[in-house]
Amino acid sequence: MRKVIESNDFSSVYKKIKNGNQILFDSKSLSINNLIVDMVKLDRKRTIMWSFDCVIATINFYEKLFGQNMIIRSAYETVASWAKGETKMPVAKQAILSVHRLASDSQDPVQIALVHAIGQALSCVHVQRHALSLIFYELTALVRLYGITDFKNQVNQKILFYQDRLDYRKNNKSIDSLRWAVFLNKY
């Protein structure tokens, strides 16, 4: 695991809170700049595996806070099956949309952000850049959960987790030996 590097530049987060934004991180957030630079260098299969690694932790965190949700678990299984070529896109798309619809059933900003984080992570099988939105939404959930004065440690730990998984996937040679859907073998 790489050396712990904490970011103290959360100025954009404070600005977004002041402006009433719902999503508190984006591709211009200095606190995640190095992570984003590394993420965009990943090929599609490594991005998908990184996203699957991370979304399992996000799902577990969600369930710790809000209880088990079979729509989310089923969507993960469906999308993993799609990535292997065992399920067709329309089925996976409906599973992903079902996850996103869960947000409309909640008024809790933490739950809403986590649901969207999970949906975006699963969507990266279709569009690689959606993986970044896992980061944006999940870090937003952490800020909402821990509050404006106490979020930094939790957010920094999550950024380190993302970076650790990214480093693992970047250097993992077994990716190509996994079973992939035909459309993913083009990348």
N, C-alpha and C. Protein backbone atom coordinates (compact mmCIF):
# COMPACT_ATOMS: atom_id res chain seq x y z
N MET A 1 0.85 -1.18 0.00
CA MET A 1 0.00 0.00 0.00
C MET A 1 0.88 1.24 0.00
N ARG A 2 0.46 2.23 -0.71
CA ARG A 2 1.26 3.44 -0.83
C ARG A 2 1.22 4.25 0.46
N LYS A 3 2.16 5.15 0.58
CA LYS A 3 2.25 6.03 1.73
C LYS A 3 0.98 6.87 1.85
N VAL A 4 0.54 7.07 3.09
CA VAL A 4 -0.66 7.86 3.34
C VAL A 4 -0.38 9.32 2.99
N ILE A 5 -1.17 9.81 2.05
CA ILE A 5 -1.08 11.22 1.68
C ILE A 5 -2.46 11.80 1.89
N GLU A 6 -2.58 12.67 2.85
CA GLU A 6 -3.87 13.28 3.12
C GLU A 6 -4.01 14.58 2.36
N SER A 7 -5.18 14.77 1.83
CA SER A 7 -5.47 16.02 1.17
C SER A 7 -6.17 16.94 2.16
N ASN A 8 -5.73 18.14 2.19
CA ASN A 8 -6.38 19.13 3.04
C ASN A 8 -7.06 20.19 2.20
N ASP A 9 -7.06 20.00 0.89
CA ASP A 9 -7.68 20.99 0.03
C ASP A 9 -9.10 20.56 -0.33
N PHE A 10 -10.00 20.90 0.55
CA PHE A 10 -11.41 20.61 0.32
C PHE A 10 -12.17 21.91 0.05
N SER A 11 -11.46 22.90 -0.47
CA SER A 11 -12.08 24.20 -0.71
C SER A 11 -13.28 24.09 -1.65
N SER A 12 -13.19 23.21 -2.65
CA SER A 12 -14.32 23.07 -3.57
C SER A 12 -15.53 22.45 -2.88
N VAL A 13 -15.29 21.59 -1.91
CA VAL A 13 -16.40 20.98 -1.16
C VAL A 13 -17.14 22.06 -0.38
N TYR A 14 -16.38 22.88 0.32
CA TYR A 14 -17.02 23.96 1.10
C TYR A 14 -17.78 24.91 0.19
N LYS A 15 -17.21 25.20 -0.97
CA LYS A 15 -17.87 26.09 -1.91
C LYS A 15 -19.17 25.47 -2.43
N LYS A 16 -19.13 24.18 -2.73
CA LYS A 16 -20.32 23.51 -3.23
C LYS A 16 -21.41 23.44 -2.16
N ILE A 17 -21.01 23.24 -0.92
CA ILE A 17 -22.00 23.25 0.17
C ILE A 17 -22.64 24.63 0.27
N LYS A 18 -21.81 25.64 0.23
CA LYS A 18 -22.31 27.02 0.32
C LYS A 18 -23.28 27.33 -0.82
N ASN A 19 -22.99 26.79 -2.02
CA ASN A 19 -23.83 27.03 -3.19
C ASN A 19 -25.06 26.12 -3.25
N GLY A 20 -25.17 25.19 -2.31
CA GLY A 20 -26.32 24.30 -2.28
C GLY A 20 -26.26 23.14 -3.25
N ASN A 21 -25.06 22.82 -3.74
CA ASN A 21 -24.91 21.69 -4.66
C ASN A 21 -25.20 20.37 -3.93
N GLN A 22 -25.78 19.43 -4.65
CA GLN A 22 -26.03 18.11 -4.07
C GLN A 22 -24.79 17.23 -4.14
N ILE A 23 -24.05 17.31 -5.24
CA ILE A 23 -22.83 16.52 -5.41
C ILE A 23 -21.66 17.42 -5.06
N LEU A 24 -20.83 16.98 -4.12
CA LEU A 24 -19.79 17.84 -3.55
C LEU A 24 -18.40 17.64 -4.15
N PHE A 25 -18.25 16.65 -5.01
CA PHE A 25 -16.96 16.37 -5.66
C PHE A 25 -17.19 16.28 -7.16
N ASP A 26 -16.15 16.64 -7.91
CA ASP A 26 -16.19 16.49 -9.36
C ASP A 26 -14.76 16.36 -9.87
N SER A 27 -14.62 16.34 -11.17
CA SER A 27 -13.30 16.11 -11.76
C SER A 27 -12.32 17.25 -11.50
N LYS A 28 -12.80 18.37 -11.00
CA LYS A 28 -11.92 19.50 -10.69
C LYS A 28 -11.58 19.59 -9.20
N SER A 29 -12.07 18.66 -8.40
CA SER A 29 -11.80 18.68 -6.96
C SER A 29 -10.34 18.35 -6.69
N LEU A 30 -9.64 19.28 -6.08
CA LEU A 30 -8.21 19.09 -5.82
C LEU A 30 -7.92 17.91 -4.91
N SER A 31 -8.82 17.61 -4.01
CA SER A 31 -8.61 16.51 -3.07
C SER A 31 -8.51 15.15 -3.74
N ILE A 32 -9.05 15.03 -4.93
CA ILE A 32 -9.01 13.75 -5.65
C ILE A 32 -8.30 13.86 -6.99
N ASN A 33 -7.60 14.93 -7.21
CA ASN A 33 -6.93 15.17 -8.49
C ASN A 33 -5.98 14.03 -8.88
N ASN A 34 -5.11 13.62 -7.96
CA ASN A 34 -4.15 12.55 -8.29
C ASN A 34 -4.85 11.24 -8.61
N LEU A 35 -5.89 10.94 -7.88
CA LEU A 35 -6.67 9.73 -8.14
C LEU A 35 -7.29 9.78 -9.53
N ILE A 36 -7.86 10.90 -9.89
CA ILE A 36 -8.48 11.03 -11.21
C ILE A 36 -7.44 10.90 -12.32
N VAL A 37 -6.29 11.51 -12.13
CA VAL A 37 -5.21 11.39 -13.13
C VAL A 37 -4.86 9.92 -13.35
N ASP A 38 -4.76 9.16 -12.27
CA ASP A 38 -4.46 7.73 -12.39
C ASP A 38 -5.62 6.95 -13.00
N MET A 39 -6.84 7.31 -12.64
CA MET A 39 -8.02 6.60 -13.13
C MET A 39 -8.15 6.69 -14.65
N VAL A 40 -7.94 7.86 -15.19
CA VAL A 40 -8.16 8.02 -16.64
C VAL A 40 -7.10 7.27 -17.46
N LYS A 41 -6.05 6.82 -16.83
CA LYS A 41 -5.02 6.04 -17.51
C LYS A 41 -5.36 4.55 -17.59
N LEU A 42 -6.33 4.11 -16.80
CA LEU A 42 -6.69 2.69 -16.80
C LEU A 42 -7.42 2.31 -18.09
N ASP A 43 -7.18 1.09 -18.54
CA ASP A 43 -7.97 0.59 -19.66
C ASP A 43 -9.35 0.19 -19.13
N ARG A 44 -10.23 -0.10 -20.05
CA ARG A 44 -11.64 -0.33 -19.67
C ARG A 44 -11.81 -1.53 -18.74
N LYS A 45 -11.16 -2.64 -19.03
CA LYS A 45 -11.32 -3.83 -18.18
C LYS A 45 -10.81 -3.58 -16.77
N ARG A 46 -9.69 -2.90 -16.65
CA ARG A 46 -9.16 -2.60 -15.32
C ARG A 46 -10.07 -1.62 -14.57
N THR A 47 -10.66 -0.70 -15.30
CA THR A 47 -11.61 0.22 -14.68
C THR A 47 -12.82 -0.55 -14.15
N ILE A 48 -13.31 -1.48 -14.93
CA ILE A 48 -14.46 -2.28 -14.50
C ILE A 48 -14.11 -3.08 -13.25
N MET A 49 -12.96 -3.72 -13.25
CA MET A 49 -12.57 -4.51 -12.07
C MET A 49 -12.35 -3.62 -10.86
N TRP A 50 -11.75 -2.45 -11.06
CA TRP A 50 -11.59 -1.48 -9.97
C TRP A 50 -12.97 -1.10 -9.43
N SER A 51 -13.87 -0.82 -10.32
CA SER A 51 -15.22 -0.42 -9.93
C SER A 51 -15.92 -1.54 -9.15
N PHE A 52 -15.79 -2.77 -9.62
CA PHE A 52 -16.39 -3.90 -8.90
C PHE A 52 -15.78 -4.05 -7.51
N ASP A 53 -14.45 -3.91 -7.42
CA ASP A 53 -13.80 -3.96 -6.10
C ASP A 53 -14.40 -2.93 -5.16
N CYS A 54 -14.49 -1.71 -5.66
CA CYS A 54 -14.94 -0.59 -4.82
C CYS A 54 -16.42 -0.68 -4.50
N VAL A 55 -17.23 -1.08 -5.46
CA VAL A 55 -18.67 -1.08 -5.23
C VAL A 55 -19.08 -2.13 -4.20
N ILE A 56 -18.35 -3.20 -4.09
CA ILE A 56 -18.65 -4.18 -3.04
C ILE A 56 -18.52 -3.52 -1.66
N ALA A 57 -17.47 -2.75 -1.47
CA ALA A 57 -17.30 -2.03 -0.20
C ALA A 57 -18.41 -1.00 -0.01
N THR A 58 -18.81 -0.34 -1.09
CA THR A 58 -19.88 0.66 -1.01
C THR A 58 -21.21 -0.01 -0.66
N ILE A 59 -21.48 -1.13 -1.27
CA ILE A 59 -22.71 -1.88 -0.96
C ILE A 59 -22.71 -2.31 0.50
N ASN A 60 -21.59 -2.83 0.97
CA ASN A 60 -21.51 -3.24 2.38
C ASN A 60 -21.72 -2.06 3.32
N PHE A 61 -21.16 -0.93 2.99
CA PHE A 61 -21.33 0.29 3.79
C PHE A 61 -22.79 0.73 3.77
N TYR A 62 -23.39 0.72 2.60
CA TYR A 62 -24.80 1.06 2.47
C TYR A 62 -25.65 0.16 3.37
N GLU A 63 -25.40 -1.14 3.30
CA GLU A 63 -26.20 -2.09 4.08
C GLU A 63 -25.98 -1.94 5.58
N LYS A 64 -24.79 -1.54 5.96
CA LYS A 64 -24.52 -1.28 7.38
C LYS A 64 -25.40 -0.12 7.88
N LEU A 65 -25.58 0.87 7.03
CA LEU A 65 -26.37 2.05 7.42
C LEU A 65 -27.87 1.85 7.22
N PHE A 66 -28.27 1.18 6.13
CA PHE A 66 -29.67 1.17 5.74
C PHE A 66 -30.29 -0.22 5.62
N GLY A 67 -29.52 -1.25 5.88
CA GLY A 67 -30.03 -2.61 5.77
C GLY A 67 -29.83 -3.18 4.37
N GLN A 68 -29.95 -4.49 4.30
CA GLN A 68 -29.73 -5.17 3.03
C GLN A 68 -30.80 -4.79 2.03
N ASN A 69 -30.39 -4.68 0.78
CA ASN A 69 -31.31 -4.32 -0.28
C ASN A 69 -31.09 -5.28 -1.45
N MET A 70 -32.09 -6.10 -1.71
CA MET A 70 -31.95 -7.12 -2.75
C MET A 70 -31.90 -6.52 -4.16
N ILE A 71 -32.47 -5.34 -4.35
CA ILE A 71 -32.38 -4.69 -5.66
C ILE A 71 -30.92 -4.38 -5.97
N ILE A 72 -30.21 -3.86 -4.98
CA ILE A 72 -28.80 -3.52 -5.17
C ILE A 72 -27.97 -4.78 -5.38
N ARG A 73 -28.17 -5.78 -4.51
CA ARG A 73 -27.40 -7.02 -4.64
C ARG A 73 -27.66 -7.70 -5.99
N SER A 74 -28.90 -7.74 -6.38
CA SER A 74 -29.26 -8.35 -7.66
C SER A 74 -28.66 -7.59 -8.83
N ALA A 75 -28.68 -6.27 -8.74
CA ALA A 75 -28.10 -5.46 -9.82
C ALA A 75 -26.61 -5.73 -9.96
N TYR A 76 -25.92 -5.84 -8.84
CA TYR A 76 -24.48 -6.14 -8.91
C TYR A 76 -24.26 -7.48 -9.62
N GLU A 77 -25.00 -8.49 -9.22
CA GLU A 77 -24.85 -9.82 -9.84
C GLU A 77 -25.18 -9.78 -11.33
N THR A 78 -26.22 -9.03 -11.69
CA THR A 78 -26.63 -8.93 -13.09
C THR A 78 -25.55 -8.24 -13.92
N VAL A 79 -25.01 -7.15 -13.40
CA VAL A 79 -23.99 -6.42 -14.15
C VAL A 79 -22.69 -7.21 -14.24
N ALA A 80 -22.32 -7.91 -13.18
CA ALA A 80 -21.13 -8.77 -13.24
C ALA A 80 -21.33 -9.86 -14.30
N SER A 81 -22.53 -10.37 -14.37
CA SER A 81 -22.86 -11.37 -15.39
C SER A 81 -22.79 -10.77 -16.80
N TRP A 82 -23.25 -9.54 -16.94
CA TRP A 82 -23.18 -8.84 -18.22
C TRP A 82 -21.73 -8.65 -18.67
N ALA A 83 -20.87 -8.27 -17.73
CA ALA A 83 -19.45 -8.05 -18.05
C ALA A 83 -18.80 -9.34 -18.55
N LYS A 84 -19.33 -10.48 -18.13
CA LYS A 84 -18.81 -11.77 -18.57
C LYS A 84 -19.47 -12.26 -19.85
N GLY A 85 -20.47 -11.55 -20.31
CA GLY A 85 -21.17 -11.95 -21.52
C GLY A 85 -22.29 -12.94 -21.28
N GLU A 86 -22.72 -13.09 -20.05
CA GLU A 86 -23.76 -14.05 -19.69
C GLU A 86 -25.15 -13.44 -19.67
N THR A 87 -25.23 -12.13 -19.69
CA THR A 87 -26.49 -11.39 -19.64
C THR A 87 -26.43 -10.31 -20.71
N LYS A 88 -27.55 -9.98 -21.26
CA LYS A 88 -27.62 -8.95 -22.30
C LYS A 88 -27.77 -7.56 -21.67
N MET A 89 -27.35 -6.56 -22.44
CA MET A 89 -27.37 -5.17 -21.97
C MET A 89 -28.75 -4.70 -21.48
N PRO A 90 -29.86 -4.97 -22.16
CA PRO A 90 -31.14 -4.45 -21.67
C PRO A 90 -31.49 -4.92 -20.25
N VAL A 91 -31.12 -6.14 -19.93
CA VAL A 91 -31.38 -6.67 -18.59
C VAL A 91 -30.51 -5.92 -17.56
N ALA A 92 -29.24 -5.76 -17.89
CA ALA A 92 -28.33 -5.05 -16.98
C ALA A 92 -28.75 -3.59 -16.84
N LYS A 93 -29.15 -2.98 -17.94
CA LYS A 93 -29.57 -1.57 -17.89
C LYS A 93 -30.76 -1.40 -16.95
N GLN A 94 -31.73 -2.29 -17.04
CA GLN A 94 -32.90 -2.21 -16.16
C GLN A 94 -32.50 -2.40 -14.69
N ALA A 95 -31.54 -3.28 -14.44
CA ALA A 95 -31.07 -3.49 -13.07
C ALA A 95 -30.40 -2.24 -12.53
N ILE A 96 -29.60 -1.59 -13.36
CA ILE A 96 -28.92 -0.36 -12.95
C ILE A 96 -29.94 0.75 -12.70
N LEU A 97 -30.90 0.89 -13.59
CA LEU A 97 -31.94 1.91 -13.42
C LEU A 97 -32.77 1.65 -12.16
N SER A 98 -32.96 0.39 -11.82
CA SER A 98 -33.68 0.06 -10.58
C SER A 98 -32.92 0.55 -9.35
N VAL A 99 -31.61 0.46 -9.41
CA VAL A 99 -30.79 0.98 -8.31
C VAL A 99 -30.97 2.49 -8.22
N HIS A 100 -30.84 3.19 -9.32
CA HIS A 100 -30.99 4.65 -9.31
C HIS A 100 -32.38 5.07 -8.83
N ARG A 101 -33.41 4.29 -9.17
CA ARG A 101 -34.78 4.63 -8.74
C ARG A 101 -34.93 4.58 -7.22
N LEU A 102 -34.09 3.81 -6.56
CA LEU A 102 -34.16 3.75 -5.09
C LEU A 102 -33.94 5.13 -4.47
N ALA A 103 -33.18 5.96 -5.15
CA ALA A 103 -32.92 7.31 -4.62
C ALA A 103 -34.20 8.12 -4.51
N SER A 104 -35.12 7.90 -5.42
CA SER A 104 -36.36 8.68 -5.39
C SER A 104 -37.27 8.27 -4.22
N ASP A 105 -36.97 7.13 -3.61
CA ASP A 105 -37.76 6.68 -2.47
C ASP A 105 -37.23 7.20 -1.14
N SER A 106 -36.16 7.99 -1.18
CA SER A 106 -35.51 8.43 0.04
C SER A 106 -35.42 9.95 0.10
N GLN A 107 -35.42 10.46 1.31
CA GLN A 107 -35.15 11.88 1.55
C GLN A 107 -33.78 12.06 2.21
N ASP A 108 -33.13 10.94 2.51
CA ASP A 108 -31.85 10.97 3.22
C ASP A 108 -30.72 11.24 2.22
N PRO A 109 -30.00 12.35 2.35
CA PRO A 109 -28.95 12.67 1.37
C PRO A 109 -27.80 11.66 1.35
N VAL A 110 -27.55 10.99 2.46
CA VAL A 110 -26.50 9.96 2.50
C VAL A 110 -26.95 8.76 1.68
N GLN A 111 -28.16 8.31 1.92
CA GLN A 111 -28.70 7.17 1.19
C GLN A 111 -28.79 7.47 -0.30
N ILE A 112 -29.26 8.64 -0.65
CA ILE A 112 -29.39 9.03 -2.06
C ILE A 112 -28.02 9.00 -2.74
N ALA A 113 -27.02 9.59 -2.09
CA ALA A 113 -25.68 9.63 -2.68
C ALA A 113 -25.08 8.23 -2.82
N LEU A 114 -25.27 7.39 -1.82
CA LEU A 114 -24.72 6.03 -1.91
C LEU A 114 -25.41 5.21 -3.00
N VAL A 115 -26.71 5.35 -3.13
CA VAL A 115 -27.43 4.64 -4.18
C VAL A 115 -26.91 5.06 -5.55
N HIS A 116 -26.74 6.36 -5.75
CA HIS A 116 -26.21 6.82 -7.03
C HIS A 116 -24.76 6.37 -7.24
N ALA A 117 -23.98 6.33 -6.17
CA ALA A 117 -22.60 5.83 -6.28
C ALA A 117 -22.59 4.40 -6.79
N ILE A 118 -23.46 3.58 -6.22
CA ILE A 118 -23.56 2.18 -6.62
C ILE A 118 -24.02 2.07 -8.08
N GLY A 119 -25.04 2.82 -8.43
CA GLY A 119 -25.54 2.80 -9.80
C GLY A 119 -24.49 3.23 -10.81
N GLN A 120 -23.74 4.26 -10.47
CA GLN A 120 -22.69 4.73 -11.38
C GLN A 120 -21.56 3.72 -11.50
N ALA A 121 -21.19 3.10 -10.39
CA ALA A 121 -20.13 2.08 -10.43
C ALA A 121 -20.53 0.94 -11.36
N LEU A 122 -21.77 0.52 -11.27
CA LEU A 122 -22.24 -0.56 -12.13
C LEU A 122 -22.33 -0.12 -13.59
N SER A 123 -22.62 1.14 -13.81
CA SER A 123 -22.75 1.67 -15.17
C SER A 123 -21.44 1.74 -15.92
N CYS A 124 -20.33 1.62 -15.23
CA CYS A 124 -19.04 1.75 -15.92
C CYS A 124 -18.78 0.61 -16.89
N VAL A 125 -19.53 -0.48 -16.78
CA VAL A 125 -19.38 -1.55 -17.78
C VAL A 125 -19.81 -1.01 -19.14
N HIS A 126 -20.79 -0.14 -19.14
CA HIS A 126 -21.29 0.45 -20.38
C HIS A 126 -20.47 1.66 -20.82
N VAL A 127 -20.20 2.57 -19.86
CA VAL A 127 -19.45 3.79 -20.14
C VAL A 127 -18.37 3.93 -19.07
N GLN A 128 -17.14 3.79 -19.48
CA GLN A 128 -16.00 3.73 -18.55
C GLN A 128 -15.95 4.91 -17.59
N ARG A 129 -16.22 6.10 -18.06
CA ARG A 129 -16.06 7.29 -17.22
C ARG A 129 -17.07 7.35 -16.07
N HIS A 130 -18.11 6.51 -16.10
CA HIS A 130 -19.06 6.49 -14.99
C HIS A 130 -18.38 6.03 -13.69
N ALA A 131 -17.28 5.35 -13.81
CA ALA A 131 -16.55 4.92 -12.61
C ALA A 131 -16.16 6.12 -11.74
N LEU A 132 -15.83 7.23 -12.38
CA LEU A 132 -15.48 8.43 -11.62
C LEU A 132 -16.63 8.90 -10.74
N SER A 133 -17.84 8.70 -11.22
CA SER A 133 -19.00 9.15 -10.44
C SER A 133 -19.20 8.34 -9.17
N LEU A 134 -18.71 7.11 -9.14
CA LEU A 134 -18.69 6.37 -7.87
C LEU A 134 -17.96 7.21 -6.83
N ILE A 135 -16.80 7.72 -7.21
CA ILE A 135 -15.99 8.54 -6.30
C ILE A 135 -16.76 9.79 -5.88
N PHE A 136 -17.30 10.50 -6.84
CA PHE A 136 -17.98 11.76 -6.56
C PHE A 136 -19.15 11.56 -5.59
N TYR A 137 -19.97 10.56 -5.87
CA TYR A 137 -21.15 10.33 -5.03
C TYR A 137 -20.81 9.74 -3.67
N GLU A 138 -19.89 8.77 -3.64
CA GLU A 138 -19.59 8.16 -2.34
C GLU A 138 -18.90 9.15 -1.41
N LEU A 139 -17.98 9.94 -1.92
CA LEU A 139 -17.33 10.94 -1.07
C LEU A 139 -18.34 11.98 -0.61
N THR A 140 -19.28 12.32 -1.46
CA THR A 140 -20.36 13.23 -1.06
C THR A 140 -21.15 12.61 0.10
N ALA A 141 -21.45 11.33 0.01
CA ALA A 141 -22.18 10.64 1.09
C ALA A 141 -21.41 10.73 2.40
N LEU A 142 -20.09 10.57 2.33
CA LEU A 142 -19.28 10.64 3.55
C LEU A 142 -19.31 12.03 4.17
N VAL A 143 -19.26 13.06 3.35
CA VAL A 143 -19.35 14.42 3.87
C VAL A 143 -20.71 14.62 4.53
N ARG A 144 -21.76 14.17 3.89
CA ARG A 144 -23.12 14.30 4.45
C ARG A 144 -23.26 13.51 5.75
N LEU A 145 -22.66 12.34 5.80
CA LEU A 145 -22.78 11.49 6.99
C LEU A 145 -22.00 12.03 8.17
N TYR A 146 -20.76 12.42 7.95
CA TYR A 146 -19.89 12.83 9.06
C TYR A 146 -19.94 14.32 9.35
N GLY A 147 -20.52 15.08 8.47
CA GLY A 147 -20.69 16.50 8.72
C GLY A 147 -19.51 17.33 8.25
N ILE A 148 -19.77 18.60 8.09
CA ILE A 148 -18.82 19.53 7.49
C ILE A 148 -17.55 19.70 8.32
N THR A 149 -17.62 19.44 9.60
CA THR A 149 -16.42 19.62 10.43
C THR A 149 -15.64 18.33 10.67
N ASP A 150 -16.24 17.17 10.37
CA ASP A 150 -15.60 15.90 10.73
C ASP A 150 -15.41 14.91 9.58
N PHE A 151 -15.55 15.35 8.35
CA PHE A 151 -15.51 14.41 7.23
C PHE A 151 -14.11 14.11 6.71
N LYS A 152 -13.14 14.96 6.95
CA LYS A 152 -11.85 14.87 6.26
C LYS A 152 -11.15 13.53 6.44
N ASN A 153 -11.09 13.02 7.65
CA ASN A 153 -10.40 11.76 7.88
C ASN A 153 -11.08 10.62 7.12
N GLN A 154 -12.39 10.56 7.16
CA GLN A 154 -13.12 9.49 6.47
C GLN A 154 -12.95 9.60 4.95
N VAL A 155 -13.02 10.81 4.44
CA VAL A 155 -12.85 11.00 3.00
C VAL A 155 -11.44 10.64 2.58
N ASN A 156 -10.45 11.07 3.33
CA ASN A 156 -9.07 10.72 3.00
C ASN A 156 -8.84 9.21 3.04
N GLN A 157 -9.43 8.54 4.02
CA GLN A 157 -9.28 7.08 4.08
C GLN A 157 -9.92 6.41 2.87
N LYS A 158 -11.06 6.92 2.44
CA LYS A 158 -11.73 6.35 1.26
C LYS A 158 -10.92 6.61 0.00
N ILE A 159 -10.34 7.79 -0.11
CA ILE A 159 -9.47 8.09 -1.26
C ILE A 159 -8.30 7.13 -1.30
N LEU A 160 -7.72 6.85 -0.14
CA LEU A 160 -6.61 5.88 -0.07
C LEU A 160 -7.07 4.49 -0.48
N PHE A 161 -8.28 4.12 -0.07
CA PHE A 161 -8.83 2.83 -0.47
C PHE A 161 -8.97 2.77 -2.00
N TYR A 162 -9.55 3.81 -2.58
CA TYR A 162 -9.68 3.85 -4.04
C TYR A 162 -8.31 3.71 -4.71
N GLN A 163 -7.34 4.45 -4.20
CA GLN A 163 -6.00 4.44 -4.80
C GLN A 163 -5.35 3.07 -4.65
N ASP A 164 -5.52 2.45 -3.50
CA ASP A 164 -4.97 1.12 -3.27
C ASP A 164 -5.55 0.11 -4.26
N ARG A 165 -6.87 0.13 -4.44
CA ARG A 165 -7.51 -0.78 -5.39
C ARG A 165 -7.06 -0.48 -6.82
N LEU A 166 -6.89 0.81 -7.12
CA LEU A 166 -6.44 1.20 -8.45
C LEU A 166 -5.02 0.68 -8.71
N ASP A 167 -4.14 0.84 -7.72
CA ASP A 167 -2.77 0.35 -7.87
C ASP A 167 -2.77 -1.17 -8.07
N TYR A 168 -3.61 -1.87 -7.34
CA TYR A 168 -3.71 -3.32 -7.48
C TYR A 168 -4.17 -3.69 -8.90
N ARG A 169 -5.23 -3.06 -9.35
CA ARG A 169 -5.78 -3.39 -10.68
C ARG A 169 -4.84 -2.96 -11.80
N LYS A 170 -4.15 -1.86 -11.61
CA LYS A 170 -3.22 -1.37 -12.63
C LYS A 170 -2.10 -2.38 -12.86
N ASN A 171 -1.66 -3.04 -11.82
CA ASN A 171 -0.53 -3.96 -11.90
C ASN A 171 -0.93 -5.42 -11.99
N ASN A 172 -2.21 -5.71 -12.00
CA ASN A 172 -2.70 -7.07 -12.02
C ASN A 172 -2.67 -7.61 -13.45
N LYS A 173 -1.92 -8.65 -13.66
CA LYS A 173 -1.75 -9.21 -15.00
C LYS A 173 -2.84 -10.22 -15.37
N SER A 174 -3.65 -10.63 -14.41
CA SER A 174 -4.63 -11.68 -14.67
C SER A 174 -5.93 -11.18 -15.29
N ILE A 175 -6.07 -9.88 -15.47
CA ILE A 175 -7.31 -9.30 -16.00
C ILE A 175 -7.70 -9.93 -17.33
N ASP A 176 -6.75 -10.07 -18.22
CA ASP A 176 -7.07 -10.57 -19.55
C ASP A 176 -7.43 -12.05 -19.56
N SER A 177 -7.07 -12.77 -18.52
CA SER A 177 -7.41 -14.19 -18.48
C SER A 177 -8.83 -14.43 -17.95
N LEU A 178 -9.49 -13.38 -17.48
CA LEU A 178 -10.87 -13.51 -17.01
C LEU A 178 -11.81 -13.60 -18.21
N ARG A 179 -12.99 -14.12 -17.96
CA ARG A 179 -13.99 -14.20 -19.03
C ARG A 179 -14.66 -12.84 -19.17
N TRP A 180 -14.69 -12.33 -20.39
CA TRP A 180 -15.26 -11.01 -20.68
C TRP A 180 -16.28 -11.12 -21.81
N ALA A 181 -17.27 -10.25 -21.75
CA ALA A 181 -18.23 -10.15 -22.85
C ALA A 181 -17.49 -9.75 -24.12
N VAL A 182 -18.00 -10.17 -25.25
CA VAL A 182 -17.36 -9.90 -26.54
C VAL A 182 -17.13 -8.40 -26.71
N PHE A 183 -18.11 -7.57 -26.36
CA PHE A 183 -17.95 -6.13 -26.57
C PHE A 183 -16.83 -5.54 -25.73
N LEU A 184 -16.46 -6.19 -24.64
CA LEU A 184 -15.36 -5.70 -23.80
C LEU A 184 -14.01 -6.20 -24.27
N ASN A 185 -13.98 -7.21 -25.12
CA ASN A 185 -12.71 -7.71 -25.63
C ASN A 185 -12.12 -6.82 -26.71
N LYS A 186 -12.83 -5.81 -27.10
CA LYS A 186 -12.33 -4.84 -28.08
C LYS A 186 -11.37 -3.86 -27.43
N TYR A 187 -11.35 -3.83 -26.11
CA TYR A 187 -10.57 -2.81 -25.40
C TYR A 187 -9.36 -3.40 -24.73
